[in-house]
Amino acid sequence: MILFFRQWQGELLKLFARRRTYIGFGAFLALEIVILIIFRLKGVERIFERMISRQGQAFEQYYSALTLAQIILGFSVVLLGAIYLALVAGDIVAKEGEDGHYRLLLVRPISRARLLLIKYLTCIGYTIALIQFITWSAFLLGVLIKGWGGGFFVVVPEIGLLTFYDWGPGLQHFALASVFLSLSMTTISSIAFFLSCFPIKPAAATIGALSYILIDRILRETGFMADYDHFLLSKHIISWARLLIENPPWPIIIRDYTALMAVNLSLFVLGVAAFESRDLKS
């Protein structure tokens, strides 16, 4: 077991030693700064002022750092985050196969399944790190602009949520939702990882994963599969936002995350099966 964790540590160090690993962190930080600058424009603030005022609440109280952070997450994290997660997960297996590194790696007494498990856990670790960075960097930038304290105005049109919190309960809901958001995004990494296990270029695995996510989202938003939306992953991924409800519907949340974890496990097993069948030594 100690050897396993040492191998995982080595894989993590190898991943974070690459410069392209940090593209997502830098891109999201730049995006957050741009969005917050735009939000400072009076025209944009008036939109949120009308939304809050129509609910009989004070704009200055509820247009806070938490509100800004949640808006940024709703705008960007699922779609833009998918790009950088797919970029890393689609590269982690296919790139070494393309470079011929497996001829050397598999000389050691390690099974292919164990090698892939280490790489998959590395993808999961990267996913959690990136999503938590996005979440809390958006929050800290909001604190720099709006200061500590205030209320929390939550609006998530996808699940019909519009509610208000005081600062303490709002921060608790926000933190819990960020954890479940990280879990949701592991499914995107799993899709890219699965495709990366096939004998294809890293770019093909990345593009394939992104294409699936975009098609899935388009089908859900256009309503073409309204009667069968439980087959769409985006239907379950958005369940992280249900943690922002005052009394979260835990049966629905458990159902959605059970489906996502089942997809993750299935993709990993199928990826291992595809990788086992490849000729890597010739």
Protein backbone atom coordinates (compact mmCIF):
# COMPACT_ATOMS: atom_id res chain seq x y z
CA MET A 1 0.00 0.00 0.00
CA ILE A 2 2.89 2.39 0.79
CA LEU A 3 4.36 1.65 -2.63
CA PHE A 4 1.00 2.41 -4.25
CA PHE A 5 0.83 5.84 -2.63
CA ARG A 6 4.43 6.55 -3.62
CA GLN A 7 3.59 5.71 -7.21
CA TRP A 8 0.50 7.93 -7.04
CA GLN A 9 2.60 10.73 -5.57
CA GLY A 10 5.08 10.34 -8.41
CA GLU A 11 2.27 10.53 -10.98
CA LEU A 12 0.88 13.67 -9.35
CA LEU A 13 4.32 15.28 -9.32
CA LYS A 14 4.77 14.39 -12.97
CA LEU A 15 1.39 15.89 -13.86
CA PHE A 16 1.92 19.15 -11.97
CA ALA A 17 5.46 19.48 -13.35
CA ARG A 18 3.96 20.10 -16.80
CA ARG A 19 3.26 23.70 -17.68
CA ARG A 20 0.07 22.91 -19.58
CA THR A 21 -1.44 21.53 -16.36
CA TYR A 22 -1.71 25.11 -15.12
CA ILE A 23 -3.46 26.49 -18.20
CA GLY A 24 -6.87 25.91 -16.62
CA PHE A 25 -5.89 27.65 -13.39
CA GLY A 26 -4.59 30.70 -15.23
CA ALA A 27 -7.48 30.83 -17.68
CA PHE A 28 -10.11 30.72 -14.95
CA LEU A 29 -8.35 33.32 -12.86
CA ALA A 30 -8.27 35.64 -15.88
CA LEU A 31 -11.93 34.88 -16.64
CA GLU A 32 -12.99 35.62 -13.08
CA ILE A 33 -11.19 38.97 -13.12
CA VAL A 34 -12.83 39.91 -16.45
CA ILE A 35 -16.31 38.88 -15.25
CA LEU A 36 -15.94 40.80 -11.99
CA ILE A 37 -14.77 43.90 -13.88
CA ILE A 38 -17.84 43.62 -16.13
CA PHE A 39 -20.07 43.15 -13.09
CA ARG A 40 -18.74 46.43 -11.72
CA LEU A 41 -20.23 48.24 -14.69
CA LYS A 42 -23.47 49.94 -13.68
CA GLY A 43 -25.46 48.43 -16.54
CA VAL A 44 -24.77 44.89 -15.38
CA GLU A 45 -25.36 45.66 -11.71
CA ARG A 46 -28.77 47.12 -12.53
CA ILE A 47 -29.88 43.74 -13.86
CA PHE A 48 -29.13 42.06 -10.56
CA GLU A 49 -30.52 45.04 -8.64
CA ARG A 50 -33.88 44.57 -10.37
CA MET A 51 -33.84 40.82 -9.72
CA ILE A 52 -33.14 41.28 -6.01
CA SER A 53 -35.46 44.26 -5.55
CA ARG A 54 -38.38 42.41 -7.14
CA GLN A 55 -38.08 39.86 -4.35
CA GLY A 56 -38.39 42.63 -1.75
CA GLN A 57 -34.74 42.40 -0.64
CA ALA A 58 -32.00 45.04 -0.32
CA PHE A 59 -29.56 45.02 -3.24
CA GLU A 60 -26.54 46.23 -1.23
CA GLN A 61 -27.11 43.48 1.33
CA TYR A 62 -27.38 40.54 -1.08
CA TYR A 63 -25.05 41.59 -3.90
CA SER A 64 -22.11 40.13 -2.00
CA ALA A 65 -18.93 38.12 -2.53
CA LEU A 66 -20.89 34.86 -2.24
CA THR A 67 -23.42 36.03 -4.84
CA LEU A 68 -20.68 37.02 -7.27
CA ALA A 69 -18.83 33.72 -6.78
CA GLN A 70 -21.97 31.66 -7.37
CA ILE A 71 -22.80 33.62 -10.54
CA ILE A 72 -19.28 32.99 -11.88
CA LEU A 73 -19.59 29.26 -11.18
CA GLY A 74 -22.98 29.10 -12.86
CA PHE A 75 -21.72 30.93 -15.94
CA SER A 76 -18.48 29.14 -16.56
CA VAL A 77 -17.41 26.14 -14.53
CA VAL A 78 -19.30 23.26 -16.21
CA LEU A 79 -18.67 24.28 -19.82
CA LEU A 80 -15.26 25.97 -19.62
CA GLY A 81 -14.04 23.66 -16.86
CA ALA A 82 -14.82 20.69 -19.11
CA ILE A 83 -12.26 21.96 -21.63
CA TYR A 84 -9.32 21.87 -19.22
CA LEU A 85 -10.38 18.68 -17.49
CA ALA A 86 -10.70 16.92 -20.85
CA LEU A 87 -7.34 18.36 -21.91
CA VAL A 88 -5.55 16.78 -18.95
CA ALA A 89 -7.52 13.52 -18.68
CA GLY A 90 -7.44 12.95 -22.43
CA ASP A 91 -3.68 13.37 -22.41
CA ILE A 92 -2.67 11.37 -19.35
CA VAL A 93 -2.77 7.89 -20.95
CA ALA A 94 -2.71 8.62 -24.68
CA LYS A 95 0.32 10.91 -24.56
CA GLU A 96 2.60 8.32 -22.96
CA GLY A 97 1.31 5.73 -25.41
CA GLU A 98 2.10 8.07 -28.28
CA ASP A 99 5.61 8.70 -26.91
CA GLY A 100 6.25 4.97 -26.36
CA HIS A 101 6.80 5.28 -22.60
CA TYR A 102 4.78 2.16 -21.80
CA ARG A 103 7.48 -0.08 -23.24
CA LEU A 104 9.68 1.09 -20.37
CA LEU A 105 6.99 1.35 -17.68
CA LEU A 106 5.67 -2.17 -18.22
CA VAL A 107 9.14 -3.68 -17.84
CA ARG A 108 8.58 -3.26 -14.10
CA PRO A 109 6.39 -5.78 -12.22
CA ILE A 110 3.23 -3.67 -12.29
CA SER A 111 -0.07 -4.63 -13.85
CA ARG A 112 -1.73 -2.48 -16.48
CA ALA A 113 -4.82 -2.17 -14.29
CA ARG A 114 -2.76 -0.80 -11.41
CA LEU A 115 -0.99 1.63 -13.72
CA LEU A 116 -4.33 2.92 -15.02
CA LEU A 117 -5.78 3.15 -11.51
CA ILE A 118 -2.90 5.41 -10.48
CA LYS A 119 -3.41 7.59 -13.54
CA TYR A 120 -7.18 7.71 -13.00
CA LEU A 121 -6.79 8.77 -9.38
CA THR A 122 -4.39 11.45 -10.60
CA CYS A 123 -7.12 12.74 -12.93
CA ILE A 124 -9.58 12.78 -10.03
CA GLY A 125 -7.06 14.67 -7.87
CA TYR A 126 -6.53 17.23 -10.62
CA THR A 127 -10.29 17.64 -11.06
CA ILE A 128 -10.84 18.35 -7.37
CA ALA A 129 -7.87 20.74 -7.25
CA LEU A 130 -9.03 22.72 -10.29
CA ILE A 131 -12.68 23.00 -9.22
CA GLN A 132 -11.79 24.01 -5.67
CA PHE A 133 -9.34 26.59 -7.02
CA ILE A 134 -12.07 28.03 -9.28
CA THR A 135 -14.58 28.10 -6.43
CA TRP A 136 -12.46 29.77 -3.79
CA SER A 137 -10.51 32.10 -6.07
CA ALA A 138 -13.87 33.47 -7.29
CA PHE A 139 -14.95 33.85 -3.67
CA LEU A 140 -11.73 35.62 -2.62
CA LEU A 141 -11.90 38.00 -5.57
CA GLY A 142 -15.47 38.75 -4.57
CA VAL A 143 -14.34 39.47 -1.01
CA LEU A 144 -11.71 41.88 -2.34
CA ILE A 145 -14.41 43.78 -4.24
CA LYS A 146 -17.43 43.55 -1.92
CA GLY A 147 -15.81 42.79 1.42
CA TRP A 148 -16.65 40.14 4.01
CA GLY A 149 -20.27 39.65 5.02
CA GLY A 150 -23.66 40.43 3.58
CA GLY A 151 -26.26 38.06 2.24
CA PHE A 152 -26.27 35.37 -0.41
CA PHE A 153 -28.58 35.65 -3.40
CA VAL A 154 -28.84 32.32 -5.21
CA VAL A 155 -30.34 31.95 -8.67
CA VAL A 156 -30.01 28.71 -10.65
CA PRO A 157 -32.51 28.68 -13.55
CA GLU A 158 -31.73 25.04 -14.48
CA ILE A 159 -33.39 23.76 -11.31
CA GLY A 160 -35.76 26.70 -10.76
CA LEU A 161 -33.91 27.93 -7.67
CA LEU A 162 -34.12 31.51 -6.40
CA THR A 163 -33.52 32.11 -2.72
CA PHE A 164 -31.74 34.27 -0.13
CA TYR A 165 -29.44 33.43 2.79
CA ASP A 166 -27.66 35.25 5.55
CA TRP A 167 -23.87 35.15 5.34
CA GLY A 168 -23.20 32.21 7.69
CA PRO A 169 -25.76 29.72 6.29
CA GLY A 170 -24.98 30.94 2.77
CA LEU A 171 -21.28 30.22 3.16
CA GLN A 172 -22.05 26.72 4.47
CA HIS A 173 -24.29 25.94 1.49
CA PHE A 174 -21.71 27.39 -0.91
CA ALA A 175 -18.88 25.29 0.55
CA LEU A 176 -20.95 22.09 0.50
CA ALA A 177 -22.08 22.75 -3.07
CA SER A 178 -18.44 23.20 -4.14
CA VAL A 179 -17.60 19.70 -2.86
CA PHE A 180 -20.43 18.15 -4.86
CA LEU A 181 -19.49 20.24 -7.89
CA SER A 182 -16.03 18.64 -7.77
CA LEU A 183 -17.65 15.20 -7.67
CA SER A 184 -19.88 16.09 -10.63
CA MET A 185 -16.94 17.19 -12.75
CA THR A 186 -15.10 13.89 -12.20
CA THR A 187 -17.50 12.39 -14.75
CA ILE A 188 -16.14 14.69 -17.45
CA SER A 189 -12.61 13.61 -16.55
CA SER A 190 -13.73 9.97 -16.64
CA ILE A 191 -15.05 10.31 -20.20
CA ALA A 192 -11.77 11.80 -21.42
CA PHE A 193 -9.75 9.20 -19.49
CA PHE A 194 -11.80 6.37 -21.02
CA LEU A 195 -11.17 7.63 -24.56
CA SER A 196 -7.49 8.13 -23.72
CA CYS A 197 -7.14 4.39 -23.07
CA PHE A 198 -7.71 3.64 -26.77
CA PRO A 199 -4.90 3.82 -29.35
CA ILE A 200 -5.71 7.36 -30.44
CA LYS A 201 -4.01 10.74 -30.30
CA PRO A 202 -4.40 12.79 -27.08
CA ALA A 203 -6.14 15.54 -29.06
CA ALA A 204 -8.69 13.03 -30.36
CA ALA A 205 -9.51 11.87 -26.80
CA THR A 206 -9.91 15.49 -25.67
CA ILE A 207 -12.09 16.48 -28.62
CA GLY A 208 -14.18 13.32 -28.29
CA ALA A 209 -14.92 14.00 -24.62
CA LEU A 210 -15.78 17.65 -25.27
CA SER A 211 -18.02 16.69 -28.19
CA TYR A 212 -19.97 14.29 -26.02
CA ILE A 213 -20.44 16.87 -23.26
CA LEU A 214 -21.55 19.56 -25.71
CA ILE A 215 -24.00 17.24 -27.48
CA ASP A 216 -25.37 16.09 -24.12
CA ARG A 217 -25.88 19.68 -22.99
CA ILE A 218 -27.43 20.80 -26.28
CA LEU A 219 -29.93 17.93 -26.20
CA ARG A 220 -30.92 18.84 -22.65
CA GLU A 221 -31.24 22.59 -23.19
CA THR A 222 -33.20 22.27 -26.44
CA GLY A 223 -35.68 19.88 -24.82
CA PHE A 224 -35.40 17.25 -27.57
CA MET A 225 -35.03 14.55 -24.92
CA ALA A 226 -37.33 15.97 -22.27
CA ASP A 227 -38.93 12.56 -21.70
CA TYR A 228 -35.57 10.80 -21.53
CA ASP A 229 -33.37 13.43 -19.89
CA HIS A 230 -32.39 10.95 -17.17
CA PHE A 231 -30.08 9.43 -19.81
CA LEU A 232 -28.21 12.74 -20.15
CA LEU A 233 -25.21 13.26 -17.90
CA SER A 234 -25.77 17.03 -17.70
CA LYS A 235 -29.07 16.28 -15.98
CA HIS A 236 -27.18 14.62 -13.13
CA ILE A 237 -24.13 16.91 -13.15
CA ILE A 238 -26.27 19.98 -12.37
CA SER A 239 -27.41 18.28 -9.16
CA TRP A 240 -24.54 20.02 -7.31
CA ALA A 241 -26.69 23.15 -7.34
CA ARG A 242 -29.37 21.37 -5.28
CA LEU A 243 -27.03 21.74 -2.29
CA LEU A 244 -27.83 25.46 -2.46
CA ILE A 245 -31.47 24.75 -1.61
CA GLU A 246 -32.34 25.50 2.03
CA ASN A 247 -33.48 21.91 2.60
CA PRO A 248 -31.61 19.89 -0.06
CA PRO A 249 -33.65 17.07 -1.64
CA TRP A 250 -31.28 14.31 -0.59
CA PRO A 251 -33.12 11.41 -2.32
CA ILE A 252 -32.74 13.19 -5.68
CA ILE A 253 -29.13 14.15 -4.95
CA ILE A 254 -28.22 10.58 -3.92
CA ARG A 255 -29.91 9.21 -7.04
CA ASP A 256 -28.02 11.60 -9.33
CA TYR A 257 -24.63 10.97 -7.76
CA THR A 258 -25.18 7.23 -7.70
CA ALA A 259 -25.73 7.45 -11.47
CA LEU A 260 -22.60 9.58 -11.93
CA MET A 261 -20.41 7.30 -9.82
CA ALA A 262 -21.76 4.26 -11.72
CA VAL A 263 -20.80 5.97 -14.99
CA ASN A 264 -17.32 6.72 -13.61
CA LEU A 265 -16.79 3.12 -12.53
CA SER A 266 -18.09 1.74 -15.82
CA LEU A 267 -15.85 4.03 -17.87
CA PHE A 268 -12.81 3.08 -15.81
CA VAL A 269 -13.48 -0.67 -16.16
CA LEU A 270 -14.09 -0.35 -19.91
CA GLY A 271 -10.98 1.79 -20.26
CA VAL A 272 -8.90 -0.87 -18.48
CA ALA A 273 -10.37 -3.55 -20.76
CA ALA A 274 -9.47 -1.52 -23.86
CA PHE A 275 -5.96 -0.83 -22.55
CA GLU A 276 -5.36 -4.50 -21.66
CA SER A 277 -6.10 -5.50 -25.24
CA ARG A 278 -3.52 -3.14 -26.76
CA ASP A 279 -0.13 -4.24 -28.00
CA LEU A 280 2.23 -1.81 -26.30
CA LYS A 281 5.53 -3.67 -26.52
CA SER A 282 5.98 -4.21 -30.23
